[in-house]
């Protein structure tokens, strides 16, 4: 590029903005005016940069919040799905427990040997399925009464050699899934 003398009194055009200025030929007044223009442009650029930086930080902060909200949503949704699965499993198992109750009642009846053997095998298979699902039976005969897993439906006076507070008979077995009681055992307690 060739150096030209710049007329500072004329407004700068696109052509003159990119041209080199011979600073040695500028008067002090022209140099001051040019410096003011450069400083004004610099101030505009600095202010523009501040504005853009603030906007970028605002969008970045908004993005971080959105990402955190989404992570929290995923965790809540995961917990909801797990709880829904557990509750559905409990509902299904609770419905099936009546079959086990019927098998237990059938085994208390007078049956021929073949029928008793068939019902016993079916009851064993039913128990194995419950165990594979993580269900354990609550059958507390001769144990201390526990209100956390048992429901006392009757109290009978203690006979000779019996201890008060013990379970004498179980009318209906209870069941637990893990640590959660899904059905309380219905029992007769010695009073």
N, C-alpha and C. Protein backbone atom coordinates (compact mmCIF):
# COMPACT_ATOMS: atom_id res chain seq x y z
N UNK A 1 0.83 -1.18 0.00
CA UNK A 1 0.00 0.00 0.00
C UNK A 1 0.87 1.23 0.00
N UNK A 2 0.39 2.21 -0.68
CA UNK A 2 1.21 3.42 -0.67
C UNK A 2 0.67 4.39 0.35
N UNK A 3 1.58 5.14 0.92
CA UNK A 3 1.18 6.09 1.94
C UNK A 3 0.61 7.32 1.29
N UNK A 4 -0.49 7.83 1.84
CA UNK A 4 -1.12 9.04 1.32
C UNK A 4 -1.26 10.01 2.46
N UNK A 5 -1.39 11.23 2.07
CA UNK A 5 -1.66 12.22 3.09
C UNK A 5 -3.14 12.20 3.36
N UNK A 6 -3.49 12.17 4.61
CA UNK A 6 -4.89 12.05 4.99
C UNK A 6 -5.41 13.41 5.37
N UNK A 7 -6.54 13.75 4.79
CA UNK A 7 -7.18 15.01 5.16
C UNK A 7 -8.10 14.70 6.32
N UNK A 8 -7.71 15.12 7.51
CA UNK A 8 -8.44 14.79 8.71
C UNK A 8 -9.76 15.53 8.77
N UNK A 9 -9.91 16.57 8.04
CA UNK A 9 -11.15 17.34 8.07
C UNK A 9 -12.26 16.65 7.29
N UNK A 10 -11.87 15.74 6.40
CA UNK A 10 -12.88 15.00 5.64
C UNK A 10 -13.27 13.74 6.41
N UNK A 11 -14.55 13.34 6.30
CA UNK A 11 -14.94 12.09 6.98
C UNK A 11 -14.26 10.90 6.32
N UNK A 12 -13.98 9.89 7.13
CA UNK A 12 -13.29 8.70 6.63
C UNK A 12 -14.25 7.87 5.80
N UNK A 13 -13.75 7.36 4.67
CA UNK A 13 -14.54 6.48 3.82
C UNK A 13 -13.95 5.09 3.92
N UNK A 14 -14.62 4.12 3.28
CA UNK A 14 -14.10 2.74 3.31
C UNK A 14 -12.70 2.69 2.71
N UNK A 15 -12.47 3.51 1.68
CA UNK A 15 -11.16 3.49 1.04
C UNK A 15 -10.09 4.06 1.96
N UNK A 16 -10.43 5.14 2.65
CA UNK A 16 -9.42 5.80 3.47
C UNK A 16 -9.22 5.11 4.80
N UNK A 17 -10.17 4.30 5.27
CA UNK A 17 -10.04 3.62 6.56
C UNK A 17 -8.90 2.61 6.53
N UNK A 18 -8.71 1.94 5.41
CA UNK A 18 -7.73 0.89 5.32
C UNK A 18 -6.37 1.37 4.80
N UNK A 19 -6.27 2.64 4.55
CA UNK A 19 -5.00 3.15 4.01
C UNK A 19 -4.07 3.54 5.13
N UNK A 20 -2.77 3.45 4.82
CA UNK A 20 -1.77 3.85 5.80
C UNK A 20 -1.69 5.36 5.83
N UNK A 21 -1.41 5.89 6.98
CA UNK A 21 -1.31 7.34 7.14
C UNK A 21 0.15 7.67 7.44
N UNK A 22 0.64 8.68 6.80
CA UNK A 22 1.99 9.15 7.07
C UNK A 22 1.90 10.06 8.29
N UNK A 23 2.24 9.52 9.44
CA UNK A 23 2.06 10.23 10.70
C UNK A 23 3.01 11.42 10.81
N UNK A 24 4.13 11.36 10.16
CA UNK A 24 5.10 12.45 10.28
C UNK A 24 4.59 13.74 9.64
N UNK A 25 3.63 13.67 8.75
CA UNK A 25 3.13 14.87 8.08
C UNK A 25 1.88 15.42 8.76
N UNK A 26 1.38 14.75 9.83
CA UNK A 26 0.18 15.22 10.53
C UNK A 26 0.52 16.37 11.45
N UNK A 27 -0.40 17.27 11.54
CA UNK A 27 -0.24 18.34 12.52
C UNK A 27 -0.69 17.80 13.85
N UNK A 28 -0.37 18.55 14.90
CA UNK A 28 -0.76 18.11 16.23
C UNK A 28 -2.27 18.05 16.34
N UNK A 29 -2.94 19.02 15.76
CA UNK A 29 -4.40 19.05 15.80
C UNK A 29 -4.98 17.84 15.08
N UNK A 30 -4.41 17.50 13.92
CA UNK A 30 -4.89 16.34 13.17
C UNK A 30 -4.62 15.04 13.93
N UNK A 31 -3.45 14.97 14.54
CA UNK A 31 -3.11 13.77 15.30
C UNK A 31 -4.05 13.58 16.49
N UNK A 32 -4.37 14.70 17.19
CA UNK A 32 -5.27 14.61 18.33
C UNK A 32 -6.66 14.18 17.88
N UNK A 33 -7.11 14.77 16.75
CA UNK A 33 -8.43 14.41 16.24
C UNK A 33 -8.46 12.93 15.87
N UNK A 34 -7.40 12.47 15.21
CA UNK A 34 -7.33 11.06 14.81
C UNK A 34 -7.28 10.15 16.04
N UNK A 35 -6.52 10.57 17.06
CA UNK A 35 -6.43 9.79 18.28
C UNK A 35 -7.79 9.70 18.96
N UNK A 36 -8.55 10.82 18.97
CA UNK A 36 -9.89 10.81 19.55
C UNK A 36 -10.79 9.83 18.81
N UNK A 37 -10.69 9.83 17.48
CA UNK A 37 -11.50 8.90 16.69
C UNK A 37 -11.12 7.44 16.99
N UNK A 38 -9.83 7.20 17.07
CA UNK A 38 -9.36 5.84 17.36
C UNK A 38 -9.82 5.42 18.76
N UNK A 39 -9.71 6.34 19.73
CA UNK A 39 -10.15 6.03 21.09
C UNK A 39 -11.65 5.80 21.15
N UNK A 40 -12.41 6.59 20.37
CA UNK A 40 -13.87 6.41 20.35
C UNK A 40 -14.23 5.04 19.76
N UNK A 41 -13.56 4.69 18.66
CA UNK A 41 -13.80 3.37 18.06
C UNK A 41 -13.39 2.26 19.04
N UNK A 42 -12.26 2.46 19.70
CA UNK A 42 -11.79 1.49 20.68
C UNK A 42 -12.81 1.35 21.82
N UNK A 43 -13.35 2.48 22.29
CA UNK A 43 -14.34 2.43 23.37
C UNK A 43 -15.60 1.70 22.92
N UNK A 44 -16.01 1.96 21.68
CA UNK A 44 -17.17 1.24 21.13
C UNK A 44 -16.91 -0.27 21.10
N UNK A 45 -15.72 -0.63 20.64
CA UNK A 45 -15.37 -2.05 20.58
C UNK A 45 -15.31 -2.68 21.97
N UNK A 46 -14.75 -1.96 22.93
CA UNK A 46 -14.68 -2.47 24.30
C UNK A 46 -16.09 -2.66 24.86
N UNK A 47 -16.96 -1.66 24.66
CA UNK A 47 -18.34 -1.77 25.14
C UNK A 47 -19.08 -2.90 24.45
N UNK A 48 -18.85 -3.04 23.15
CA UNK A 48 -19.47 -4.13 22.40
C UNK A 48 -18.98 -5.48 22.92
N UNK A 49 -17.68 -5.57 23.20
CA UNK A 49 -17.12 -6.80 23.73
C UNK A 49 -17.71 -7.12 25.11
N UNK A 50 -17.87 -6.09 25.94
CA UNK A 50 -18.48 -6.31 27.27
C UNK A 50 -19.90 -6.84 27.11
N UNK A 51 -20.68 -6.24 26.21
CA UNK A 51 -22.06 -6.66 26.00
C UNK A 51 -22.12 -8.11 25.52
N UNK A 52 -21.26 -8.42 24.54
CA UNK A 52 -21.24 -9.78 24.00
C UNK A 52 -20.79 -10.78 25.07
N UNK A 53 -19.81 -10.40 25.88
CA UNK A 53 -19.33 -11.28 26.95
C UNK A 53 -20.43 -11.51 27.98
N UNK A 54 -21.15 -10.46 28.35
CA UNK A 54 -22.25 -10.61 29.31
C UNK A 54 -23.33 -11.53 28.75
N UNK A 55 -23.67 -11.34 27.49
CA UNK A 55 -24.68 -12.21 26.86
C UNK A 55 -24.19 -13.66 26.82
N UNK A 56 -22.93 -13.84 26.47
CA UNK A 56 -22.38 -15.20 26.41
C UNK A 56 -22.41 -15.84 27.79
N UNK A 57 -22.06 -15.08 28.82
CA UNK A 57 -22.10 -15.63 30.19
C UNK A 57 -23.53 -15.95 30.60
N UNK A 58 -24.47 -15.09 30.19
CA UNK A 58 -25.87 -15.34 30.51
C UNK A 58 -26.35 -16.62 29.83
N UNK A 59 -26.01 -16.81 28.56
CA UNK A 59 -26.42 -18.02 27.84
C UNK A 59 -25.72 -19.25 28.42
N UNK A 60 -24.46 -19.09 28.79
CA UNK A 60 -23.71 -20.20 29.38
C UNK A 60 -24.34 -20.61 30.71
N UNK A 61 -24.69 -19.62 31.54
CA UNK A 61 -25.34 -19.89 32.82
C UNK A 61 -26.70 -20.56 32.60
N UNK A 62 -27.42 -20.06 31.63
CA UNK A 62 -28.73 -20.66 31.30
C UNK A 62 -28.55 -22.11 30.84
N UNK A 63 -27.53 -22.35 30.05
CA UNK A 63 -27.26 -23.71 29.57
C UNK A 63 -26.91 -24.63 30.74
N UNK A 64 -26.06 -24.13 31.66
CA UNK A 64 -25.71 -24.95 32.83
C UNK A 64 -26.95 -25.30 33.64
N UNK A 65 -27.83 -24.30 33.84
CA UNK A 65 -29.06 -24.56 34.61
C UNK A 65 -29.93 -25.58 33.88
N UNK A 66 -30.06 -25.42 32.58
CA UNK A 66 -30.88 -26.37 31.81
C UNK A 66 -30.30 -27.78 31.88
N UNK A 67 -28.99 -27.88 31.78
CA UNK A 67 -28.34 -29.20 31.87
C UNK A 67 -28.57 -29.81 33.26
N UNK A 68 -28.45 -29.01 34.30
CA UNK A 68 -28.67 -29.51 35.67
C UNK A 68 -30.13 -29.92 35.86
N UNK A 69 -31.05 -29.10 35.34
CA UNK A 69 -32.48 -29.44 35.43
C UNK A 69 -32.76 -30.75 34.72
N UNK A 70 -32.15 -30.95 33.57
CA UNK A 70 -32.38 -32.17 32.81
C UNK A 70 -31.82 -33.38 33.56
N UNK A 71 -30.65 -33.24 34.17
CA UNK A 71 -30.08 -34.34 34.96
C UNK A 71 -30.99 -34.69 36.13
N UNK A 72 -31.50 -33.65 36.81
CA UNK A 72 -32.43 -33.89 37.93
C UNK A 72 -33.69 -34.57 37.43
N UNK A 73 -34.19 -34.15 36.27
CA UNK A 73 -35.38 -34.77 35.69
C UNK A 73 -35.12 -36.25 35.41
N UNK A 74 -33.95 -36.55 34.83
CA UNK A 74 -33.62 -37.95 34.53
C UNK A 74 -33.58 -38.78 35.81
N UNK A 75 -32.99 -38.23 36.87
CA UNK A 75 -32.91 -38.97 38.14
C UNK A 75 -34.30 -39.20 38.72
N UNK A 76 -35.14 -38.14 38.73
CA UNK A 76 -36.50 -38.29 39.25
C UNK A 76 -37.28 -39.29 38.42
N UNK A 77 -37.13 -39.22 37.11
CA UNK A 77 -37.84 -40.13 36.22
C UNK A 77 -37.38 -41.57 36.44
N UNK A 78 -36.10 -41.76 36.65
CA UNK A 78 -35.55 -43.10 36.93
C UNK A 78 -36.15 -43.65 38.21
N UNK A 79 -36.19 -42.81 39.26
CA UNK A 79 -36.76 -43.24 40.54
C UNK A 79 -38.24 -43.57 40.37
N UNK A 80 -38.95 -42.76 39.60
CA UNK A 80 -40.37 -42.99 39.37
C UNK A 80 -40.59 -44.32 38.67
N UNK A 81 -39.77 -44.60 37.66
CA UNK A 81 -39.89 -45.88 36.94
C UNK A 81 -39.60 -47.06 37.87
N UNK A 82 -38.56 -46.93 38.69
CA UNK A 82 -38.21 -48.01 39.61
C UNK A 82 -39.34 -48.24 40.61
N UNK A 83 -39.87 -47.16 41.16
CA UNK A 83 -40.98 -47.28 42.13
C UNK A 83 -42.22 -47.86 41.47
N UNK A 84 -42.52 -47.43 40.25
CA UNK A 84 -43.69 -47.97 39.54
C UNK A 84 -43.52 -49.47 39.29
N UNK A 85 -42.30 -49.87 38.93
CA UNK A 85 -42.03 -51.30 38.71
C UNK A 85 -42.24 -52.08 40.01
N UNK A 86 -41.67 -51.55 41.11
CA UNK A 86 -41.81 -52.24 42.40
C UNK A 86 -43.28 -52.34 42.81
N UNK A 87 -44.01 -51.25 42.66
CA UNK A 87 -45.43 -51.26 43.05
C UNK A 87 -46.23 -52.22 42.17
N UNK A 88 -45.93 -52.25 40.88
CA UNK A 88 -46.60 -53.20 39.99
C UNK A 88 -46.28 -54.63 40.36
N UNK A 89 -45.03 -54.88 40.71
CA UNK A 89 -44.61 -56.22 41.12
C UNK A 89 -45.35 -56.62 42.40
N UNK A 90 -45.44 -55.70 43.35
CA UNK A 90 -46.14 -55.99 44.61
C UNK A 90 -47.60 -56.28 44.34
N UNK A 91 -48.24 -55.50 43.47
CA UNK A 91 -49.65 -55.73 43.14
C UNK A 91 -49.85 -57.11 42.53
N UNK A 92 -48.96 -57.49 41.62
CA UNK A 92 -49.09 -58.80 40.96
C UNK A 92 -48.89 -59.93 41.98
N UNK A 93 -47.88 -59.79 42.82
CA UNK A 93 -47.60 -60.83 43.81
C UNK A 93 -48.76 -60.94 44.80
N UNK A 94 -49.27 -59.80 45.24
CA UNK A 94 -50.38 -59.81 46.20
C UNK A 94 -51.58 -60.55 45.63
N UNK A 95 -51.85 -60.37 44.35
CA UNK A 95 -52.95 -61.10 43.72
C UNK A 95 -52.71 -62.60 43.69
N UNK A 96 -51.45 -62.99 43.52
CA UNK A 96 -51.12 -64.42 43.46
C UNK A 96 -51.10 -65.10 44.83
N UNK A 97 -50.98 -64.32 45.88
CA UNK A 97 -50.89 -64.92 47.22
C UNK A 97 -52.16 -65.71 47.58
N UNK A 98 -53.29 -65.32 47.01
CA UNK A 98 -54.53 -66.06 47.28
C UNK A 98 -54.44 -67.51 46.80
N UNK A 99 -53.68 -67.72 45.73
CA UNK A 99 -53.49 -69.09 45.24
C UNK A 99 -52.72 -69.91 46.28
N UNK A 100 -51.68 -69.33 46.84
CA UNK A 100 -50.91 -70.01 47.88
C UNK A 100 -51.77 -70.29 49.11
N UNK A 101 -52.65 -69.32 49.45
CA UNK A 101 -53.55 -69.53 50.60
C UNK A 101 -54.47 -70.72 50.33
N UNK A 102 -54.97 -70.80 49.12
CA UNK A 102 -55.86 -71.92 48.76
C UNK A 102 -55.11 -73.25 48.84
N UNK A 103 -53.88 -73.27 48.38
CA UNK A 103 -53.08 -74.50 48.45
C UNK A 103 -52.83 -74.90 49.91
N UNK A 104 -52.52 -73.92 50.76
CA UNK A 104 -52.30 -74.21 52.18
C UNK A 104 -53.56 -74.76 52.83
N UNK A 105 -54.72 -74.18 52.51
CA UNK A 105 -55.99 -74.67 53.07
C UNK A 105 -56.28 -76.09 52.58
N UNK A 106 -55.98 -76.34 51.31
CA UNK A 106 -56.23 -77.67 50.75
C UNK A 106 -55.40 -78.73 51.46
N UNK A 107 -54.19 -78.37 51.86
CA UNK A 107 -53.33 -79.33 52.55
C UNK A 107 -53.82 -79.66 53.96
N UNK A 108 -54.71 -78.85 54.53
CA UNK A 108 -55.25 -79.14 55.88
C UNK A 108 -56.46 -80.05 55.81
N UNK A 109 -56.96 -80.33 54.62
CA UNK A 109 -58.15 -81.16 54.46
C UNK A 109 -57.77 -82.65 54.42
N UNK A 110 -58.78 -83.52 54.58
CA UNK A 110 -58.57 -84.96 54.43
C UNK A 110 -58.51 -85.28 52.94
N UNK A 111 -57.33 -85.68 52.49
CA UNK A 111 -57.13 -85.97 51.07
C UNK A 111 -56.49 -87.35 50.92
N UNK A 112 -56.72 -87.94 49.74
CA UNK A 112 -56.01 -89.20 49.48
C UNK A 112 -54.55 -88.86 49.19
N UNK A 113 -53.69 -89.85 49.24
CA UNK A 113 -52.24 -89.63 49.14
C UNK A 113 -51.82 -88.98 47.83
N UNK A 114 -52.39 -89.41 46.72
CA UNK A 114 -52.01 -88.87 45.41
C UNK A 114 -52.40 -87.39 45.32
N UNK A 115 -53.58 -87.05 45.78
CA UNK A 115 -54.04 -85.65 45.73
C UNK A 115 -53.15 -84.78 46.63
N UNK A 116 -52.88 -85.27 47.83
CA UNK A 116 -52.02 -84.52 48.76
C UNK A 116 -50.63 -84.32 48.14
N UNK A 117 -50.10 -85.34 47.50
CA UNK A 117 -48.78 -85.24 46.88
C UNK A 117 -48.80 -84.19 45.76
N UNK A 118 -49.85 -84.20 44.95
CA UNK A 118 -49.97 -83.21 43.86
C UNK A 118 -50.08 -81.78 44.39
N UNK A 119 -50.88 -81.59 45.42
CA UNK A 119 -51.04 -80.25 46.00
C UNK A 119 -49.74 -79.81 46.68
N UNK A 120 -49.06 -80.75 47.32
CA UNK A 120 -47.78 -80.43 47.97
C UNK A 120 -46.76 -79.98 46.93
N UNK A 121 -46.67 -80.70 45.81
CA UNK A 121 -45.74 -80.31 44.74
C UNK A 121 -46.09 -78.94 44.17
N UNK A 122 -47.38 -78.69 43.99
CA UNK A 122 -47.83 -77.40 43.47
C UNK A 122 -47.50 -76.28 44.47
N UNK A 123 -47.74 -76.54 45.76
CA UNK A 123 -47.44 -75.54 46.79
C UNK A 123 -45.93 -75.27 46.84
N UNK A 124 -45.12 -76.32 46.71
CA UNK A 124 -43.67 -76.15 46.71
C UNK A 124 -43.23 -75.31 45.50
N UNK A 125 -43.80 -75.59 44.35
CA UNK A 125 -43.48 -74.83 43.14
C UNK A 125 -43.88 -73.36 43.30
N UNK A 126 -45.03 -73.14 43.91
CA UNK A 126 -45.50 -71.78 44.16
C UNK A 126 -44.51 -71.06 45.08
N UNK A 127 -44.07 -71.73 46.14
CA UNK A 127 -43.10 -71.13 47.08
C UNK A 127 -41.78 -70.82 46.39
N UNK A 128 -41.33 -71.71 45.51
CA UNK A 128 -40.07 -71.47 44.78
C UNK A 128 -40.18 -70.26 43.87
N UNK A 129 -41.33 -70.08 43.24
CA UNK A 129 -41.53 -68.91 42.37
C UNK A 129 -41.49 -67.64 43.20
N UNK A 130 -42.15 -67.66 44.36
CA UNK A 130 -42.12 -66.48 45.24
C UNK A 130 -40.69 -66.17 45.68
N UNK A 131 -39.94 -67.21 46.04
CA UNK A 131 -38.55 -67.01 46.45
C UNK A 131 -37.72 -66.42 45.32
N UNK A 132 -37.95 -66.88 44.09
CA UNK A 132 -37.19 -66.34 42.95
C UNK A 132 -37.51 -64.87 42.71
N UNK A 133 -38.67 -64.44 43.15
CA UNK A 133 -39.05 -63.03 43.02
C UNK A 133 -38.58 -62.19 44.22
N UNK A 134 -37.95 -62.84 45.19
CA UNK A 134 -37.46 -62.13 46.37
C UNK A 134 -38.49 -62.04 47.49
N UNK A 135 -39.54 -62.86 47.42
CA UNK A 135 -40.59 -62.84 48.43
C UNK A 135 -40.32 -63.92 49.47
N UNK A 136 -40.43 -63.55 50.74
CA UNK A 136 -40.27 -64.53 51.82
C UNK A 136 -41.55 -64.58 52.63
N UNK A 137 -41.88 -65.77 53.12
CA UNK A 137 -43.10 -65.96 53.90
C UNK A 137 -42.86 -65.56 55.36
N UNK A 138 -43.91 -65.04 55.97
CA UNK A 138 -43.89 -64.74 57.41
C UNK A 138 -44.84 -65.75 58.05
N UNK A 139 -44.26 -66.75 58.73
CA UNK A 139 -45.04 -67.80 59.36
C UNK A 139 -44.52 -67.95 60.79
N UNK A 140 -44.97 -67.07 61.71
CA UNK A 140 -44.33 -66.94 63.02
C UNK A 140 -44.88 -67.82 64.15
N UNK A 141 -45.23 -69.04 63.89
CA UNK A 141 -45.75 -69.92 64.95
C UNK A 141 -44.68 -70.10 66.03
N UNK A 142 -45.09 -69.96 67.30
CA UNK A 142 -44.24 -70.10 68.49
C UNK A 142 -43.16 -69.01 68.59
N UNK A 143 -43.29 -67.94 67.83
CA UNK A 143 -42.37 -66.80 67.95
C UNK A 143 -43.06 -65.68 68.72
N UNK A 144 -42.27 -64.70 69.18
CA UNK A 144 -42.85 -63.53 69.83
C UNK A 144 -43.67 -62.75 68.83
N UNK A 145 -44.78 -62.16 69.29
CA UNK A 145 -45.63 -61.35 68.42
C UNK A 145 -44.86 -60.10 68.01
N UNK A 146 -44.86 -59.79 66.71
CA UNK A 146 -44.18 -58.61 66.17
C UNK A 146 -45.20 -57.78 65.39
N UNK A 147 -45.63 -56.64 65.93
CA UNK A 147 -46.64 -55.84 65.24
C UNK A 147 -46.16 -55.24 63.92
N UNK A 148 -44.86 -55.30 63.65
CA UNK A 148 -44.34 -54.77 62.39
C UNK A 148 -44.55 -55.73 61.22
N UNK A 149 -44.78 -57.01 61.54
CA UNK A 149 -44.97 -57.99 60.47
C UNK A 149 -46.23 -58.82 60.65
N UNK A 150 -46.92 -58.64 61.81
CA UNK A 150 -48.06 -59.49 62.10
C UNK A 150 -49.27 -58.66 62.53
N UNK A 151 -50.42 -59.22 62.29
CA UNK A 151 -51.68 -58.61 62.69
C UNK A 151 -52.40 -59.60 63.61
N UNK A 152 -52.62 -59.20 64.86
CA UNK A 152 -53.30 -60.09 65.82
C UNK A 152 -54.80 -60.00 65.56
N UNK A 153 -55.38 -61.14 65.19
CA UNK A 153 -56.82 -61.14 64.93
C UNK A 153 -57.59 -61.74 66.11
N UNK A 154 -56.83 -62.36 67.03
CA UNK A 154 -57.48 -62.95 68.19
C UNK A 154 -56.43 -63.14 69.29
N UNK A 155 -56.90 -63.07 70.54
CA UNK A 155 -56.01 -63.33 71.66
C UNK A 155 -56.66 -64.42 72.52
N UNK A 156 -55.87 -65.41 72.87
CA UNK A 156 -56.38 -66.52 73.68
C UNK A 156 -55.61 -66.56 75.00
N UNK A 157 -56.29 -67.02 76.07
CA UNK A 157 -55.57 -67.09 77.35
C UNK A 157 -54.47 -68.16 77.30
N UNK A 158 -53.44 -67.92 78.06
CA UNK A 158 -52.29 -68.85 78.10
C UNK A 158 -52.69 -70.13 78.82
N UNK A 159 -52.33 -71.23 78.24
CA UNK A 159 -52.55 -72.53 78.88
C UNK A 159 -51.26 -72.91 79.60
N UNK A 160 -51.29 -74.03 80.28
CA UNK A 160 -50.12 -74.45 81.04
C UNK A 160 -48.92 -74.66 80.12
N UNK A 161 -47.80 -74.04 80.46
CA UNK A 161 -46.56 -74.17 79.69
C UNK A 161 -46.44 -73.18 78.53
N UNK A 162 -47.45 -72.36 78.30
CA UNK A 162 -47.38 -71.37 77.21
C UNK A 162 -46.96 -70.02 77.76
N UNK A 163 -46.28 -69.26 76.94
CA UNK A 163 -45.79 -67.94 77.33
C UNK A 163 -46.65 -66.87 76.66
N UNK A 164 -47.04 -65.87 77.45
CA UNK A 164 -47.83 -64.76 76.91
C UNK A 164 -47.00 -63.98 75.89
N UNK A 165 -47.67 -63.49 74.86
CA UNK A 165 -47.00 -62.70 73.83
C UNK A 165 -46.46 -63.52 72.68
N UNK A 166 -46.63 -64.83 72.75
CA UNK A 166 -46.18 -65.72 71.66
C UNK A 166 -47.33 -65.94 70.68
N UNK A 167 -46.97 -66.24 69.44
CA UNK A 167 -47.96 -66.56 68.41
C UNK A 167 -48.32 -68.03 68.56
N UNK A 168 -49.62 -68.29 68.75
CA UNK A 168 -50.07 -69.67 68.93
C UNK A 168 -50.43 -70.30 67.58
N UNK A 169 -51.07 -69.53 66.72
CA UNK A 169 -51.54 -70.08 65.45
C UNK A 169 -51.50 -68.99 64.38
N UNK A 170 -51.25 -69.39 63.15
CA UNK A 170 -51.25 -68.46 62.02
C UNK A 170 -52.46 -68.80 61.16
N UNK A 171 -53.38 -67.84 61.03
CA UNK A 171 -54.53 -68.04 60.16
C UNK A 171 -54.16 -67.81 58.69
N UNK A 172 -53.33 -66.80 58.47
CA UNK A 172 -52.96 -66.44 57.10
C UNK A 172 -51.50 -65.99 57.12
N UNK A 173 -50.66 -66.69 56.34
CA UNK A 173 -49.24 -66.33 56.30
C UNK A 173 -49.08 -64.91 55.75
N UNK A 174 -48.06 -64.24 56.26
CA UNK A 174 -47.70 -62.93 55.72
C UNK A 174 -46.54 -63.08 54.76
N UNK A 175 -46.25 -62.00 54.03
CA UNK A 175 -45.15 -62.05 53.05
C UNK A 175 -44.42 -60.73 53.03
N UNK A 176 -43.10 -60.83 52.75
CA UNK A 176 -42.25 -59.65 52.61
C UNK A 176 -41.55 -59.72 51.26
N UNK A 177 -41.41 -58.56 50.65
CA UNK A 177 -40.60 -58.42 49.44
C UNK A 177 -39.39 -57.60 49.85
N UNK A 178 -38.27 -58.27 50.00
CA UNK A 178 -37.09 -57.59 50.56
C UNK A 178 -37.39 -57.28 52.02
N UNK A 179 -37.31 -56.01 52.38
CA UNK A 179 -37.61 -55.60 53.75
C UNK A 179 -39.03 -55.07 53.89
N UNK A 180 -39.75 -54.95 52.80
CA UNK A 180 -41.09 -54.37 52.83
C UNK A 180 -42.15 -55.47 53.02
N UNK A 181 -43.00 -55.27 54.01
CA UNK A 181 -44.09 -56.21 54.25
C UNK A 181 -45.17 -55.94 53.21
N UNK A 182 -45.52 -56.96 52.42
CA UNK A 182 -46.58 -56.77 51.42
C UNK A 182 -47.90 -57.35 51.90
N UNK A 183 -47.83 -58.22 52.92
CA UNK A 183 -49.04 -58.69 53.58
C UNK A 183 -48.67 -59.13 54.99
N UNK A 184 -49.38 -58.61 55.97
CA UNK A 184 -49.14 -58.97 57.37
C UNK A 184 -49.71 -60.35 57.66
N UNK A 185 -48.99 -61.10 58.48
CA UNK A 185 -49.48 -62.42 58.89
C UNK A 185 -50.62 -62.23 59.88
N UNK A 186 -51.72 -62.93 59.68
CA UNK A 186 -52.86 -62.87 60.60
C UNK A 186 -52.69 -63.99 61.61
N UNK A 187 -52.56 -63.62 62.90
CA UNK A 187 -52.18 -64.60 63.90
C UNK A 187 -53.07 -64.54 65.14
N UNK A 188 -53.02 -65.65 65.89
CA UNK A 188 -53.65 -65.74 67.22
C UNK A 188 -52.52 -65.63 68.23
N UNK A 189 -52.67 -64.71 69.17
CA UNK A 189 -51.62 -64.44 70.14
C UNK A 189 -52.05 -64.94 71.51
N UNK A 190 -51.12 -65.52 72.24
CA UNK A 190 -51.38 -65.98 73.61
C UNK A 190 -51.34 -64.76 74.52
N UNK A 191 -52.42 -64.58 75.30
CA UNK A 191 -52.53 -63.39 76.15
C UNK A 191 -52.15 -63.57 77.56
